[in-house]
Amino acid sequence: MNANHQKVDVKVVNGFVAEGHGGNPAGVVLNADRYSAQQMQAIAKGVGLSETAFVSTSQTEGFKLDFFTPNRRIAHCGHATIATFSYLAAQGVLGEGETSKETVDGPRKVVIKEGAAYMEQLAPRYAFSSDWTEQGVAQKDVLEALNLSADKLAQGLPIAVVNTGNRFVIVAVNGAQTLAHLAPDFAKITAISDKLDVIGFYVFTTETRQHTADATTRMFAPRFAIEEESATGMAAGPLACYLHDVVNMNKQVFEIRQGEYMLPASPSVIHVELSLNAGKITSLMAGGHGKLMEERTVSLVRD
């Protein structure tokens, strides 16, 4: 290798695998204290996955995690968190029980339970279409971005921006066929995502293939160079809150399926557990299993 290049070892770990298969691949780079933010961005671009997690030492938490898409830093990433902590647990670095991650947006609790990793998210905040007027976005704009007619929405379930640490547009459609045949306009989704300052669109239906599942979803985030993603833990949390507060599902534990309608399909399962106080969500944990799929190297140009 050229003396001006450094070899970086990257674990590719699928987060939120379903019965040991599918899931969403994330890059995991250990011992990342040596890298600057600019170098992390270059590595993430070289890895080319939707997100790469960089694991460093923390003075206050179990680990420090920095997340990068191929084109920018992101405050949190669900599947990369699950991938990282599941891998650390599988390697014996972590045991069962509670640990934590330090991020650019503050600390978050992480729990290892029966080999699965669960991450903390915040109590939800909602903004419905009537709240978006200052941003110049209306419900019809979201429908146009998804090439949906209004009659394809689930009756009585409004489109909302939901924030539990990251912001997503949550859209309820009227069935699996509608979800499967979405034809997203990525330029329009990007423009709306910029105006509303969201990660992307999380479109769901409560019509599912598995009797255990509460919703099946698709996630589009072209603003972050992700046209479609097979598992999004930071979006499943907001959706579980929406299912509880808006759909009025009277339960605390939810199973969210994602990736079934991608081409090619990559089925994923995300579990969300809500913490309630007098019926109000105070926090939540979203989690699942991770699986090491491959190891690769990326060449980094030395500064």
Protein backbone atom coordinates (compact mmCIF):
# COMPACT_ATOMS: atom_id res chain seq x y z
CA MET A 1 0.00 0.00 0.00
CA ASN A 2 1.17 3.55 -0.77
CA ALA A 3 2.90 5.14 2.23
CA ASN A 4 0.41 8.01 2.06
CA HIS A 5 -2.49 5.62 2.60
CA GLN A 6 -3.63 3.96 5.82
CA LYS A 7 -5.60 0.70 5.94
CA VAL A 8 -8.76 0.91 8.05
CA ASP A 9 -10.44 -2.30 9.23
CA VAL A 10 -14.24 -2.21 9.02
CA LYS A 11 -16.70 -4.77 10.37
CA VAL A 12 -19.91 -5.01 8.38
CA VAL A 13 -22.62 -5.93 10.87
CA ASN A 14 -26.30 -6.20 9.99
CA GLY A 15 -28.53 -4.61 12.62
CA PHE A 16 -32.10 -5.74 13.31
CA VAL A 17 -31.75 -9.10 11.60
CA ALA A 18 -34.94 -11.15 11.35
CA GLU A 19 -34.44 -14.74 12.46
CA GLY A 20 -30.71 -14.39 11.67
CA HIS A 21 -31.22 -13.06 8.16
CA GLY A 22 -31.77 -9.73 6.43
CA GLY A 23 -31.32 -6.64 8.55
CA ASN A 24 -29.53 -3.44 7.69
CA PRO A 25 -25.75 -3.41 7.18
CA ALA A 26 -23.66 -0.85 9.04
CA GLY A 27 -19.94 -0.27 9.09
CA VAL A 28 -18.34 -0.55 12.53
CA VAL A 29 -14.86 0.92 13.05
CA LEU A 30 -13.25 0.14 16.41
CA ASN A 31 -10.48 2.13 18.15
CA ALA A 32 -11.56 5.26 16.29
CA ASP A 33 -9.93 7.75 18.70
CA ARG A 34 -7.16 8.21 16.14
CA TYR A 35 -9.46 9.63 13.45
CA SER A 36 -10.58 13.22 12.94
CA ALA A 37 -14.17 14.02 11.91
CA GLN A 38 -12.90 14.67 8.39
CA GLN A 39 -11.21 11.28 8.29
CA MET A 40 -14.31 9.55 9.64
CA GLN A 41 -16.32 11.14 6.85
CA ALA A 42 -13.82 9.91 4.27
CA ILE A 43 -13.89 6.40 5.71
CA ALA A 44 -17.71 6.33 5.73
CA LYS A 45 -17.72 7.40 2.09
CA GLY A 46 -15.28 4.62 1.28
CA VAL A 47 -17.37 2.05 3.15
CA GLY A 48 -20.39 3.18 1.14
CA LEU A 49 -23.08 1.85 3.49
CA SER A 50 -25.96 3.99 4.70
CA GLU A 51 -24.20 4.58 8.05
CA THR A 52 -20.86 3.77 9.65
CA ALA A 53 -20.30 3.89 13.42
CA PHE A 54 -16.93 4.89 14.86
CA VAL A 55 -16.26 3.54 18.36
CA SER A 56 -13.96 5.51 20.67
CA THR A 57 -13.26 5.73 24.39
CA SER A 58 -15.51 7.95 26.49
CA GLN A 59 -14.71 9.72 29.74
CA THR A 60 -18.33 9.61 30.89
CA GLU A 61 -20.14 6.70 29.13
CA GLY A 62 -19.43 3.11 28.15
CA PHE A 63 -18.32 4.10 24.66
CA LYS A 64 -18.28 7.11 22.38
CA LEU A 65 -20.01 6.63 19.03
CA ASP A 66 -19.78 8.92 16.00
CA PHE A 67 -22.09 8.23 13.07
CA PHE A 68 -21.52 9.19 9.44
CA THR A 69 -23.50 8.56 6.27
CA PRO A 70 -21.54 8.69 2.99
CA ASN A 71 -22.10 12.44 2.84
CA ARG A 72 -22.54 13.84 6.36
CA ARG A 73 -22.48 13.33 10.12
CA ILE A 74 -25.71 12.22 11.80
CA ALA A 75 -26.45 12.59 15.52
CA HIS A 76 -27.81 9.08 16.08
CA CYS A 77 -28.24 5.90 14.06
CA GLY A 78 -30.37 3.06 15.29
CA HIS A 79 -29.20 0.12 13.23
CA ALA A 80 -25.52 1.13 13.54
CA THR A 81 -25.93 1.34 17.34
CA ILE A 82 -27.54 -2.10 17.42
CA ALA A 83 -24.86 -3.45 15.08
CA THR A 84 -22.05 -2.02 17.24
CA PHE A 85 -23.27 -3.14 20.64
CA SER A 86 -24.41 -6.56 19.40
CA TYR A 87 -20.93 -7.08 17.93
CA LEU A 88 -19.23 -5.96 21.16
CA ALA A 89 -21.46 -8.33 23.13
CA ALA A 90 -20.74 -11.22 20.75
CA GLN A 91 -16.99 -10.57 21.15
CA GLY A 92 -17.29 -10.68 24.95
CA VAL A 93 -16.41 -7.01 25.36
CA LEU A 94 -19.84 -6.47 26.94
CA GLY A 95 -22.00 -8.65 29.13
CA GLU A 96 -25.73 -8.62 29.76
CA GLY A 97 -27.12 -5.47 31.33
CA GLU A 98 -26.84 -1.72 31.03
CA THR A 99 -24.14 0.38 29.37
CA SER A 100 -24.30 3.68 27.46
CA LYS A 101 -23.10 5.63 24.45
CA GLU A 102 -21.79 9.19 24.21
CA THR A 103 -22.86 11.01 21.03
CA VAL A 104 -22.66 14.55 19.69
CA ASP A 105 -26.26 14.94 20.90
CA GLY A 106 -25.64 13.73 24.45
CA PRO A 107 -25.58 10.37 26.24
CA ARG A 108 -28.03 7.51 25.68
CA LYS A 109 -28.59 4.35 27.67
CA VAL A 110 -27.96 1.00 25.95
CA VAL A 111 -29.06 -2.37 27.33
CA ILE A 112 -27.87 -5.83 26.29
CA LYS A 113 -30.62 -8.40 26.80
CA GLU A 114 -30.24 -12.02 25.64
CA GLY A 115 -27.67 -10.93 23.07
CA ALA A 116 -29.87 -8.20 21.61
CA ALA A 117 -29.02 -4.51 22.01
CA TYR A 118 -31.58 -1.86 22.97
CA MET A 119 -30.97 1.90 22.79
CA GLU A 120 -32.70 4.72 24.59
CA GLN A 121 -34.73 7.39 22.82
CA LEU A 122 -36.47 10.45 24.19
CA ALA A 123 -40.14 11.19 24.85
CA PRO A 124 -41.88 12.05 21.57
CA ARG A 125 -42.70 15.49 20.23
CA TYR A 126 -45.29 15.84 17.47
CA ALA A 127 -45.82 18.39 14.71
CA PHE A 128 -48.77 17.86 12.38
CA SER A 129 -49.24 19.43 8.95
CA SER A 130 -51.02 22.46 10.40
CA ASP A 131 -47.77 23.19 12.29
CA TRP A 132 -45.65 23.28 9.12
CA THR A 133 -46.97 26.49 7.54
CA GLU A 134 -43.88 28.52 8.40
CA GLN A 135 -41.73 25.91 6.66
CA GLY A 136 -43.82 26.15 3.51
CA VAL A 137 -44.87 22.47 3.51
CA ALA A 138 -48.43 21.11 3.29
CA GLN A 139 -49.83 17.59 3.40
CA LYS A 140 -50.36 17.64 -0.37
CA ASP A 141 -46.60 18.17 -0.83
CA VAL A 142 -45.86 14.98 1.13
CA LEU A 143 -48.42 13.08 -0.92
CA GLU A 144 -46.91 14.37 -4.18
CA ALA A 145 -43.43 13.34 -3.01
CA LEU A 146 -44.71 9.78 -2.54
CA ASN A 147 -46.94 9.85 -5.66
CA LEU A 148 -49.87 9.05 -3.38
CA SER A 149 -53.48 10.13 -3.64
CA ALA A 150 -55.23 11.15 -0.43
CA ASP A 151 -57.52 8.11 -0.57
CA LYS A 152 -54.47 5.85 -0.09
CA LEU A 153 -53.87 7.24 3.40
CA ALA A 154 -55.15 5.30 6.41
CA GLN A 155 -58.42 6.89 7.43
CA GLY A 156 -58.22 9.20 10.42
CA LEU A 157 -54.43 8.99 10.84
CA PRO A 158 -52.76 12.36 10.12
CA ILE A 159 -49.28 12.78 8.67
CA ALA A 160 -46.93 13.95 11.41
CA VAL A 161 -43.34 14.84 12.13
CA VAL A 162 -42.34 12.82 15.20
CA ASN A 163 -39.12 13.45 17.11
CA THR A 164 -37.61 11.10 19.71
CA GLY A 165 -34.05 12.30 19.12
CA ASN A 166 -34.20 12.31 15.33
CA ARG A 167 -37.11 13.71 13.32
CA PHE A 168 -39.10 11.68 10.78
CA VAL A 169 -42.23 12.28 8.71
CA ILE A 170 -44.63 9.47 9.67
CA VAL A 171 -47.18 8.53 6.99
CA ALA A 172 -49.90 5.89 7.52
CA VAL A 173 -51.17 4.20 4.34
CA ASN A 174 -54.21 1.99 3.90
CA GLY A 175 -52.59 -1.37 3.28
CA ALA A 176 -49.66 -3.51 2.21
CA GLN A 177 -50.37 -3.13 -1.50
CA THR A 178 -50.17 0.66 -1.23
CA LEU A 179 -46.92 0.37 0.72
CA ALA A 180 -45.45 -2.09 -1.77
CA HIS A 181 -46.23 0.06 -4.80
CA LEU A 182 -44.97 3.41 -3.55
CA ALA A 183 -43.12 5.41 -6.21
CA PRO A 184 -41.16 8.01 -4.23
CA ASP A 185 -39.87 11.17 -5.87
CA PHE A 186 -36.51 11.49 -4.16
CA ALA A 187 -35.89 15.08 -5.22
CA LYS A 188 -39.20 16.16 -3.67
CA ILE A 189 -38.55 14.10 -0.51
CA THR A 190 -35.15 15.77 -0.18
CA ALA A 191 -36.63 19.24 -0.56
CA ILE A 192 -39.32 18.58 2.07
CA SER A 193 -36.79 16.93 4.40
CA ASP A 194 -34.62 20.06 4.17
CA LYS A 195 -37.54 22.37 4.92
CA LEU A 196 -38.79 20.31 7.87
CA ASP A 197 -35.28 19.34 9.03
CA VAL A 198 -36.11 15.63 9.15
CA ILE A 199 -34.06 12.53 8.41
CA GLY A 200 -36.65 11.19 5.99
CA PHE A 201 -40.11 9.68 5.43
CA TYR A 202 -41.25 6.60 7.39
CA VAL A 203 -44.31 5.14 5.65
CA PHE A 204 -46.23 2.34 7.34
CA THR A 205 -49.29 0.15 7.39
CA THR A 206 -50.75 -1.91 10.21
CA GLU A 207 -51.48 -4.68 7.66
CA THR A 208 -48.62 -7.13 8.20
CA ARG A 209 -47.48 -10.59 7.08
CA GLN A 210 -46.60 -11.67 10.63
CA HIS A 211 -49.25 -11.98 13.30
CA THR A 212 -46.72 -10.75 15.89
CA ALA A 213 -45.99 -7.48 14.06
CA ASP A 214 -47.77 -4.19 14.74
CA ALA A 215 -46.66 -2.39 11.57
CA THR A 216 -44.74 -2.87 8.34
CA THR A 217 -42.73 0.09 7.04
CA ARG A 218 -40.55 1.64 4.37
CA MET A 219 -38.03 4.44 4.99
CA PHE A 220 -36.75 6.99 2.45
CA ALA A 221 -33.95 9.40 3.36
CA PRO A 222 -32.37 10.79 0.17
CA ARG A 223 -31.32 13.92 2.08
CA PHE A 224 -28.72 11.68 3.73
CA ALA A 225 -27.85 9.76 0.56
CA ILE A 226 -30.17 6.89 1.54
CA GLU A 227 -32.88 6.26 -1.06
CA GLU A 228 -34.35 3.38 0.95
CA GLU A 229 -33.18 1.63 4.11
CA SER A 230 -34.05 -1.85 5.37
CA ALA A 231 -34.09 -1.09 9.13
CA THR A 232 -34.22 2.23 10.94
CA GLY A 233 -34.28 2.04 14.71
CA MET A 234 -34.38 5.81 15.13
CA ALA A 235 -37.58 5.85 13.04
CA ALA A 236 -39.21 2.80 14.62
CA GLY A 237 -39.16 4.61 17.97
CA PRO A 238 -41.21 7.57 16.69
CA LEU A 239 -43.55 5.13 14.93
CA ALA A 240 -44.18 3.15 18.13
CA CYS A 241 -45.03 6.42 19.88
CA TYR A 242 -47.39 7.32 17.03
CA LEU A 243 -49.03 3.86 17.26
CA HIS A 244 -49.58 4.39 20.99
CA ASP A 245 -50.63 8.05 21.00
CA VAL A 246 -52.36 8.52 17.63
CA VAL A 247 -53.50 5.05 16.55
CA ASN A 248 -54.41 4.37 20.20
CA MET A 249 -52.79 0.95 20.43
CA ASN A 250 -53.02 0.27 24.15
CA LYS A 251 -49.72 -1.54 24.65
CA GLN A 252 -46.10 -0.83 25.61
CA VAL A 253 -44.13 -3.31 23.50
CA PHE A 254 -44.22 -3.07 19.70
CA GLU A 255 -42.77 -5.10 16.84
CA ILE A 256 -41.95 -3.09 13.72
CA ARG A 257 -41.08 -4.84 10.44
CA GLN A 258 -39.12 -3.13 7.67
CA GLY A 259 -37.30 -4.02 4.46
CA GLU A 260 -39.84 -6.54 3.16
CA TYR A 261 -40.82 -4.37 0.19
CA MET A 262 -37.35 -3.30 -0.87
CA LEU A 263 -35.74 -4.61 -4.05
CA PRO A 264 -34.04 -6.85 -3.14
CA ALA A 265 -35.93 -7.51 0.08
CA SER A 266 -34.01 -7.47 3.36
CA PRO A 267 -36.52 -8.26 6.12
CA SER A 268 -35.77 -6.64 9.47
CA VAL A 269 -37.44 -6.63 12.87
CA ILE A 270 -37.24 -3.82 15.42
CA HIS A 271 -38.63 -4.12 18.95
CA VAL A 272 -39.68 -0.98 20.82
CA GLU A 273 -40.52 -0.83 24.52
CA LEU A 274 -42.24 2.31 25.83
CA SER A 275 -41.91 3.68 29.36
CA LEU A 276 -45.15 5.29 30.55
CA ASN A 277 -46.12 7.53 33.42
CA ALA A 278 -49.87 8.07 33.85
CA GLY A 279 -50.35 6.99 30.25
CA LYS A 280 -47.77 9.43 28.87
CA ILE A 281 -44.60 8.22 27.13
CA THR A 282 -41.54 9.33 29.09
CA SER A 283 -38.85 7.43 27.14
CA LEU A 284 -38.40 4.30 25.08
CA MET A 285 -35.94 1.59 24.15
CA ALA A 286 -35.62 0.31 20.57
CA GLY A 287 -33.59 -2.76 19.80
CA GLY A 288 -32.87 -6.01 18.06
CA HIS A 289 -30.18 -8.46 17.11
CA GLY A 290 -27.05 -7.85 15.07
CA LYS A 291 -24.94 -10.27 13.02
CA LEU A 292 -21.40 -9.93 11.62
CA MET A 293 -21.59 -10.43 7.85
CA GLU A 294 -18.11 -9.57 6.58
CA GLU A 295 -14.86 -7.78 7.28
CA ARG A 296 -13.32 -5.36 4.81
CA THR A 297 -10.66 -2.68 4.59
CA VAL A 298 -10.86 0.90 3.40
CA SER A 299 -7.91 3.00 2.27
CA LEU A 300 -7.59 6.37 4.00
CA VAL A 301 -5.31 9.10 2.66
CA ARG A 302 -3.09 10.36 5.48
CA ASP A 303 -3.35 14.05 6.38
